[in-house]
Amino acid sequence: DEGDSKVGRAGAFEEIFDAMNTHTGGDRVQIEVQEQALGALWSLARHADNRREIVANGGIRAVLDVMLALPSEVVIQERACGILWNLLECQECLLPETDVVTAVAQALRKHIMHAGVITQSCGALMSFARNYKQKNKSAQHDNTALLVGSIRIILDVMHAHPSHPIIQGQGCGSLMNLFHGSKVPDEVNCSDVT
């Protein structure tokens, strides 16, 4: 809502990022600060204007740094993937796609049995897939390696959770977005897709 947007512009982002940069240790209290900071960013990232503010103020790097520093912390990974899912919805935001997809994939692989991480990371990959084709239509080069890596991650997760409806739905949605109007890249084995 409009109030969230105004709060973000009034300095909330700076305070959140300061807290994230100050409390970087691995003890329980420091981890709780990171969890709460990511929770606040996740709430703010639901509003389109706030997404642009988060990206403009270095939020992507802050989120990725926390994910890399605390890979075993499931709440951190779930919230960070949720934030990235929202930020990937921002078509005009310039994101380091390779870093984002890599971080999401690492969270997904490490927490393959945690429903929250799976839901948020699959959603992030689906958003990435939806925007990937659009953004790369006019690009001078096609990032085939990132595309192939994303397809493999999605297929691995779908294979690991054949009866999970959210994973199967988001996985199929991601593949639909990635394959729309394209053939399966040669780098993806046909056996991977069947």
C-alpha atoms as a PDB file:
ATOM      1  CA  ASP A   1       0.000   0.000   0.000  1.00  0.00           C
ATOM      2  CA  GLU A   2       0.979   3.670  -0.318  1.00  0.00           C
ATOM      3  CA  GLY A   3       2.083   3.847   3.338  1.00  0.00           C
ATOM      4  CA  ASP A   4       4.677   1.112   2.834  1.00  0.00           C
ATOM      5  CA  SER A   5       6.105   3.015  -0.133  1.00  0.00           C
ATOM      6  CA  LYS A   6       6.416   6.279   1.820  1.00  0.00           C
ATOM      7  CA  VAL A   7       8.015   4.522   4.774  1.00  0.00           C
ATOM      8  CA  GLY A   8      10.607   3.005   2.445  1.00  0.00           C
ATOM      9  CA  ARG A   9      11.537   6.389   1.045  1.00  0.00           C
ATOM     10  CA  ALA A  10      11.727   7.910   4.518  1.00  0.00           C
ATOM     11  CA  GLY A  11      14.789   5.888   5.453  1.00  0.00           C
ATOM     12  CA  ALA A  12      13.632   2.400   6.314  1.00  0.00           C
ATOM     13  CA  PHE A  13      15.887   0.894   3.658  1.00  0.00           C
ATOM     14  CA  GLU A  14      18.967   2.599   5.047  1.00  0.00           C
ATOM     15  CA  GLU A  15      18.186   1.399   8.577  1.00  0.00           C
ATOM     16  CA  ILE A  16      17.531  -2.161   7.423  1.00  0.00           C
ATOM     17  CA  PHE A  17      20.742  -2.308   5.373  1.00  0.00           C
ATOM     18  CA  ASP A  18      22.732  -0.781   8.264  1.00  0.00           C
ATOM     19  CA  ALA A  19      21.398  -3.485  10.595  1.00  0.00           C
ATOM     20  CA  MET A  20      22.271  -6.181   8.055  1.00  0.00           C
ATOM     21  CA  ASN A  21      25.795  -4.804   7.575  1.00  0.00           C
ATOM     22  CA  THR A  22      26.421  -4.330  11.307  1.00  0.00           C
ATOM     23  CA  HIS A  23      25.168  -7.701  12.601  1.00  0.00           C
ATOM     24  CA  THR A  24      27.091 -10.137  10.425  1.00  0.00           C
ATOM     25  CA  GLY A  25      28.169 -12.707  12.998  1.00  0.00           C
ATOM     26  CA  GLY A  26      26.953 -16.255  13.124  1.00  0.00           C
ATOM     27  CA  ASP A  27      25.648 -16.311  16.688  1.00  0.00           C
ATOM     28  CA  ARG A  28      21.912 -16.702  17.333  1.00  0.00           C
ATOM     29  CA  VAL A  29      21.295 -13.002  18.110  1.00  0.00           C
ATOM     30  CA  GLN A  30      23.063 -11.855  14.927  1.00  0.00           C
ATOM     31  CA  ILE A  31      21.134 -14.426  12.889  1.00  0.00           C
ATOM     32  CA  GLU A  32      17.850 -13.179  14.370  1.00  0.00           C
ATOM     33  CA  VAL A  33      18.714  -9.617  13.322  1.00  0.00           C
ATOM     34  CA  GLN A  34      19.313 -10.881   9.779  1.00  0.00           C
ATOM     35  CA  GLU A  35      16.041 -12.851   9.821  1.00  0.00           C
ATOM     36  CA  GLN A  36      14.063  -9.813  10.935  1.00  0.00           C
ATOM     37  CA  ALA A  37      15.819  -7.500   8.468  1.00  0.00           C
ATOM     38  CA  LEU A  38      15.038  -9.900   5.627  1.00  0.00           C
ATOM     39  CA  GLY A  39      11.440 -10.148   6.855  1.00  0.00           C
ATOM     40  CA  ALA A  40      11.127  -6.364   6.683  1.00  0.00           C
ATOM     41  CA  LEU A  41      12.646  -6.262   3.189  1.00  0.00           C
ATOM     42  CA  TRP A  42      10.378  -9.088   2.061  1.00  0.00           C
ATOM     43  CA  SER A  43       7.333  -7.114   3.189  1.00  0.00           C
ATOM     44  CA  LEU A  44       8.584  -3.952   1.503  1.00  0.00           C
ATOM     45  CA  ALA A  45       9.524  -5.805  -1.711  1.00  0.00           C
ATOM     46  CA  ARG A  46       5.869  -6.639  -2.319  1.00  0.00           C
ATOM     47  CA  HIS A  47       5.295  -3.048  -3.511  1.00  0.00           C
ATOM     48  CA  ALA A  48       6.595  -2.143  -6.992  1.00  0.00           C
ATOM     49  CA  ASP A  49       8.087   1.238  -5.992  1.00  0.00           C
ATOM     50  CA  ASN A  50       9.894  -0.370  -3.079  1.00  0.00           C
ATOM     51  CA  ARG A  51      11.443  -2.959  -5.388  1.00  0.00           C
ATOM     52  CA  ARG A  52      13.137  -0.207  -7.354  1.00  0.00           C
ATOM     53  CA  GLU A  53      14.315   1.406  -4.086  1.00  0.00           C
ATOM     54  CA  ILE A  54      15.724  -1.874  -2.794  1.00  0.00           C
ATOM     55  CA  VAL A  55      17.664  -2.434  -6.020  1.00  0.00           C
ATOM     56  CA  ALA A  56      18.845   1.197  -6.196  1.00  0.00           C
ATOM     57  CA  ASN A  57      20.130   1.086  -2.605  1.00  0.00           C
ATOM     58  CA  GLY A  58      22.216  -2.055  -2.957  1.00  0.00           C
ATOM     59  CA  GLY A  59      19.634  -4.439  -1.587  1.00  0.00           C
ATOM     60  CA  ILE A  60      20.428  -7.225  -4.018  1.00  0.00           C
ATOM     61  CA  ARG A  61      24.028  -7.431  -2.835  1.00  0.00           C
ATOM     62  CA  ALA A  62      22.938  -7.271   0.824  1.00  0.00           C
ATOM     63  CA  VAL A  63      20.473 -10.141   0.360  1.00  0.00           C
ATOM     64  CA  LEU A  64      22.959 -12.248  -1.610  1.00  0.00           C
ATOM     65  CA  ASP A  65      25.698 -11.634   0.980  1.00  0.00           C
ATOM     66  CA  VAL A  66      23.453 -12.865   3.802  1.00  0.00           C
ATOM     67  CA  MET A  67      22.460 -15.932   1.776  1.00  0.00           C
ATOM     68  CA  LEU A  68      26.106 -16.800   1.147  1.00  0.00           C
ATOM     69  CA  ALA A  69      27.183 -16.087   4.746  1.00  0.00           C
ATOM     70  CA  LEU A  70      24.420 -18.198   6.335  1.00  0.00           C
ATOM     71  CA  PRO A  71      23.604 -20.994   3.881  1.00  0.00           C
ATOM     72  CA  SER A  72      22.362 -23.412   6.565  1.00  0.00           C
ATOM     73  CA  GLU A  73      19.834 -20.996   8.076  1.00  0.00           C
ATOM     74  CA  VAL A  74      16.495 -22.014   6.590  1.00  0.00           C
ATOM     75  CA  VAL A  75      14.579 -18.855   7.618  1.00  0.00           C
ATOM     76  CA  ILE A  76      17.287 -16.682   6.053  1.00  0.00           C
ATOM     77  CA  GLN A  77      17.168 -18.677   2.824  1.00  0.00           C
ATOM     78  CA  GLU A  78      13.356 -18.704   2.639  1.00  0.00           C
ATOM     79  CA  ARG A  79      13.023 -14.964   3.214  1.00  0.00           C
ATOM     80  CA  ALA A  80      15.886 -14.107   0.890  1.00  0.00           C
ATOM     81  CA  CYS A  81      14.379 -16.222  -1.898  1.00  0.00           C
ATOM     82  CA  GLY A  82      11.035 -14.502  -1.285  1.00  0.00           C
ATOM     83  CA  ILE A  83      12.686 -11.102  -1.650  1.00  0.00           C
ATOM     84  CA  LEU A  84      14.462 -12.184  -4.831  1.00  0.00           C
ATOM     85  CA  TRP A  85      11.178 -13.542  -6.221  1.00  0.00           C
ATOM     86  CA  ASN A  86       9.609 -10.120  -5.712  1.00  0.00           C
ATOM     87  CA  LEU A  87      12.614  -8.293  -7.165  1.00  0.00           C
ATOM     88  CA  LEU A  88      12.650 -10.545 -10.220  1.00  0.00           C
ATOM     89  CA  GLU A  89       9.097  -9.323 -10.896  1.00  0.00           C
ATOM     90  CA  CYS A  90      10.546  -5.838 -11.480  1.00  0.00           C
ATOM     91  CA  GLN A  91      11.158  -5.911 -15.221  1.00  0.00           C
ATOM     92  CA  GLU A  92      12.901  -2.552 -15.315  1.00  0.00           C
ATOM     93  CA  CYS A  93      15.258  -3.403 -12.426  1.00  0.00           C
ATOM     94  CA  LEU A  94      18.725  -4.432 -13.519  1.00  0.00           C
ATOM     95  CA  LEU A  95      19.641  -7.495 -11.500  1.00  0.00           C
ATOM     96  CA  PRO A  96      22.804  -9.585 -11.521  1.00  0.00           C
ATOM     97  CA  GLU A  97      20.805 -12.536 -12.896  1.00  0.00           C
ATOM     98  CA  THR A  98      23.632 -15.054 -12.742  1.00  0.00           C
ATOM     99  CA  ASP A  99      24.319 -14.260  -9.059  1.00  0.00           C
ATOM    100  CA  VAL A 100      20.616 -14.320  -8.203  1.00  0.00           C
ATOM    101  CA  VAL A 101      19.895 -17.620  -9.952  1.00  0.00           C
ATOM    102  CA  THR A 102      23.034 -19.175  -8.442  1.00  0.00           C
ATOM    103  CA  ALA A 103      22.070 -18.092  -4.906  1.00  0.00           C
ATOM    104  CA  VAL A 104      18.493 -19.323  -5.336  1.00  0.00           C
ATOM    105  CA  ALA A 105      19.752 -22.637  -6.738  1.00  0.00           C
ATOM    106  CA  GLN A 106      22.145 -23.098  -3.813  1.00  0.00           C
ATOM    107  CA  ALA A 107      19.357 -22.440  -1.316  1.00  0.00           C
ATOM    108  CA  LEU A 108      17.079 -24.835  -3.144  1.00  0.00           C
ATOM    109  CA  ARG A 109      19.639 -27.626  -3.282  1.00  0.00           C
ATOM    110  CA  LYS A 110      20.667 -27.215   0.372  1.00  0.00           C
ATOM    111  CA  HIS A 111      17.081 -27.099   1.665  1.00  0.00           C
ATOM    112  CA  ILE A 112      15.428 -29.429  -0.848  1.00  0.00           C
ATOM    113  CA  MET A 113      13.085 -30.825   1.821  1.00  0.00           C
ATOM    114  CA  HIS A 114      11.917 -27.477   3.278  1.00  0.00           C
ATOM    115  CA  ALA A 115       8.569 -26.437   1.813  1.00  0.00           C
ATOM    116  CA  GLY A 116       9.041 -22.698   2.431  1.00  0.00           C
ATOM    117  CA  VAL A 117      12.434 -22.513   0.739  1.00  0.00           C
ATOM    118  CA  ILE A 118      11.165 -24.655  -2.122  1.00  0.00           C
ATOM    119  CA  THR A 119       8.089 -22.502  -2.668  1.00  0.00           C
ATOM    120  CA  GLN A 120       9.994 -19.200  -2.594  1.00  0.00           C
ATOM    121  CA  SER A 121      12.936 -20.409  -4.669  1.00  0.00           C
ATOM    122  CA  CYS A 122      10.721 -22.058  -7.294  1.00  0.00           C
ATOM    123  CA  GLY A 123       8.704 -18.839  -7.449  1.00  0.00           C
ATOM    124  CA  ALA A 124      11.915 -16.872  -7.956  1.00  0.00           C
ATOM    125  CA  LEU A 125      12.997 -19.217 -10.742  1.00  0.00           C
ATOM    126  CA  MET A 126       9.561 -18.935 -12.352  1.00  0.00           C
ATOM    127  CA  SER A 127       9.798 -15.126 -12.242  1.00  0.00           C
ATOM    128  CA  PHE A 128      13.307 -15.283 -13.654  1.00  0.00           C
ATOM    129  CA  ALA A 129      12.096 -17.556 -16.437  1.00  0.00           C
ATOM    130  CA  ARG A 130       9.137 -15.310 -17.277  1.00  0.00           C
ATOM    131  CA  ASN A 131      11.311 -12.227 -17.570  1.00  0.00           C
ATOM    132  CA  TYR A 132      14.365 -13.938 -19.065  1.00  0.00           C
ATOM    133  CA  LYS A 133      12.945 -14.215 -22.575  1.00  0.00           C
ATOM    134  CA  GLN A 134      11.577 -10.677 -22.517  1.00  0.00           C
ATOM    135  CA  LYS A 135      14.840  -9.140 -21.332  1.00  0.00           C
ATOM    136  CA  ASN A 136      16.984 -11.138 -23.738  1.00  0.00           C
ATOM    137  CA  LYS A 137      14.932 -10.428 -26.881  1.00  0.00           C
ATOM    138  CA  SER A 138      16.882  -7.254 -27.484  1.00  0.00           C
ATOM    139  CA  ALA A 139      20.146  -8.331 -25.839  1.00  0.00           C
ATOM    140  CA  GLN A 140      23.252  -8.599 -27.962  1.00  0.00           C
ATOM    141  CA  HIS A 141      23.974 -12.060 -26.573  1.00  0.00           C
ATOM    142  CA  ASP A 142      21.934 -14.884 -25.148  1.00  0.00           C
ATOM    143  CA  ASN A 143      23.052 -16.259 -21.784  1.00  0.00           C
ATOM    144  CA  THR A 144      22.601 -19.907 -22.738  1.00  0.00           C
ATOM    145  CA  ALA A 145      24.628 -21.179 -19.766  1.00  0.00           C
ATOM    146  CA  LEU A 146      22.293 -19.446 -17.318  1.00  0.00           C
ATOM    147  CA  LEU A 147      19.265 -20.730 -19.213  1.00  0.00           C
ATOM    148  CA  VAL A 148      20.551 -24.313 -19.245  1.00  0.00           C
ATOM    149  CA  GLY A 149      21.540 -24.148 -15.569  1.00  0.00           C
ATOM    150  CA  SER A 150      18.078 -22.898 -14.646  1.00  0.00           C
ATOM    151  CA  ILE A 151      16.402 -25.680 -16.604  1.00  0.00           C
ATOM    152  CA  ARG A 152      18.553 -28.313 -14.910  1.00  0.00           C
ATOM    153  CA  ILE A 153      17.809 -26.926 -11.445  1.00  0.00           C
ATOM    154  CA  ILE A 154      14.083 -26.902 -12.123  1.00  0.00           C
ATOM    155  CA  LEU A 155      14.154 -30.454 -13.488  1.00  0.00           C
ATOM    156  CA  ASP A 156      16.197 -31.695 -10.496  1.00  0.00           C
ATOM    157  CA  VAL A 157      13.719 -30.234  -8.028  1.00  0.00           C
ATOM    158  CA  MET A 158      10.704 -31.559  -9.922  1.00  0.00           C
ATOM    159  CA  HIS A 159      12.299 -34.994 -10.046  1.00  0.00           C
ATOM    160  CA  ALA A 160      13.047 -34.915  -6.288  1.00  0.00           C
ATOM    161  CA  HIS A 161       9.443 -33.936  -5.418  1.00  0.00           C
ATOM    162  CA  PRO A 162       7.118 -35.650  -7.916  1.00  0.00           C
ATOM    163  CA  SER A 163       4.053 -35.502  -5.655  1.00  0.00           C
ATOM    164  CA  HIS A 164       4.447 -31.891  -4.405  1.00  0.00           C
ATOM    165  CA  PRO A 165       1.799 -29.863  -6.306  1.00  0.00           C
ATOM    166  CA  ILE A 166       3.364 -26.427  -5.733  1.00  0.00           C
ATOM    167  CA  ILE A 167       6.777 -27.572  -6.926  1.00  0.00           C
ATOM    168  CA  GLN A 168       5.315 -29.365  -9.926  1.00  0.00           C
ATOM    169  CA  GLY A 169       3.119 -26.369 -10.823  1.00  0.00           C
ATOM    170  CA  GLN A 170       5.856 -23.777 -10.456  1.00  0.00           C
ATOM    171  CA  GLY A 171       8.371 -26.072 -12.139  1.00  0.00           C
ATOM    172  CA  CYS A 172       6.076 -26.537 -15.131  1.00  0.00           C
ATOM    173  CA  GLY A 173       5.384 -22.794 -15.180  1.00  0.00           C
ATOM    174  CA  SER A 174       9.111 -22.065 -15.169  1.00  0.00           C
ATOM    175  CA  LEU A 175       9.740 -24.516 -17.989  1.00  0.00           C
ATOM    176  CA  MET A 176       6.803 -23.087 -19.932  1.00  0.00           C
ATOM    177  CA  ASN A 177       8.306 -19.609 -19.584  1.00  0.00           C
ATOM    178  CA  LEU A 178      11.806 -20.756 -20.518  1.00  0.00           C
ATOM    179  CA  PHE A 179      10.724 -22.887 -23.479  1.00  0.00           C
ATOM    180  CA  HIS A 180       8.074 -20.514 -24.844  1.00  0.00           C
ATOM    181  CA  GLY A 181       8.737 -20.249 -28.556  1.00  0.00           C
ATOM    182  CA  SER A 182      12.058 -22.066 -28.289  1.00  0.00           C
ATOM    183  CA  LYS A 183      13.491 -25.495 -28.713  1.00  0.00           C
ATOM    184  CA  VAL A 184      15.187 -27.226 -25.807  1.00  0.00           C
ATOM    185  CA  PRO A 185      18.815 -25.987 -25.801  1.00  0.00           C
ATOM    186  CA  ASP A 186      21.270 -28.585 -27.110  1.00  0.00           C
ATOM    187  CA  GLU A 187      23.136 -28.445 -23.786  1.00  0.00           C
ATOM    188  CA  VAL A 188      20.136 -29.973 -21.983  1.00  0.00           C
ATOM    189  CA  ASN A 189      20.068 -33.738 -22.447  1.00  0.00           C
ATOM    190  CA  CYS A 190      16.797 -35.016 -23.859  1.00  0.00           C
ATOM    191  CA  SER A 191      16.656 -37.470 -20.949  1.00  0.00           C
ATOM    192  CA  ASP A 192      16.619 -34.453 -18.584  1.00  0.00           C
ATOM    193  CA  VAL A 193      13.357 -33.224 -20.086  1.00  0.00           C
ATOM    194  CA  THR A 194      11.447 -36.519 -20.217  1.00  0.00           C
END
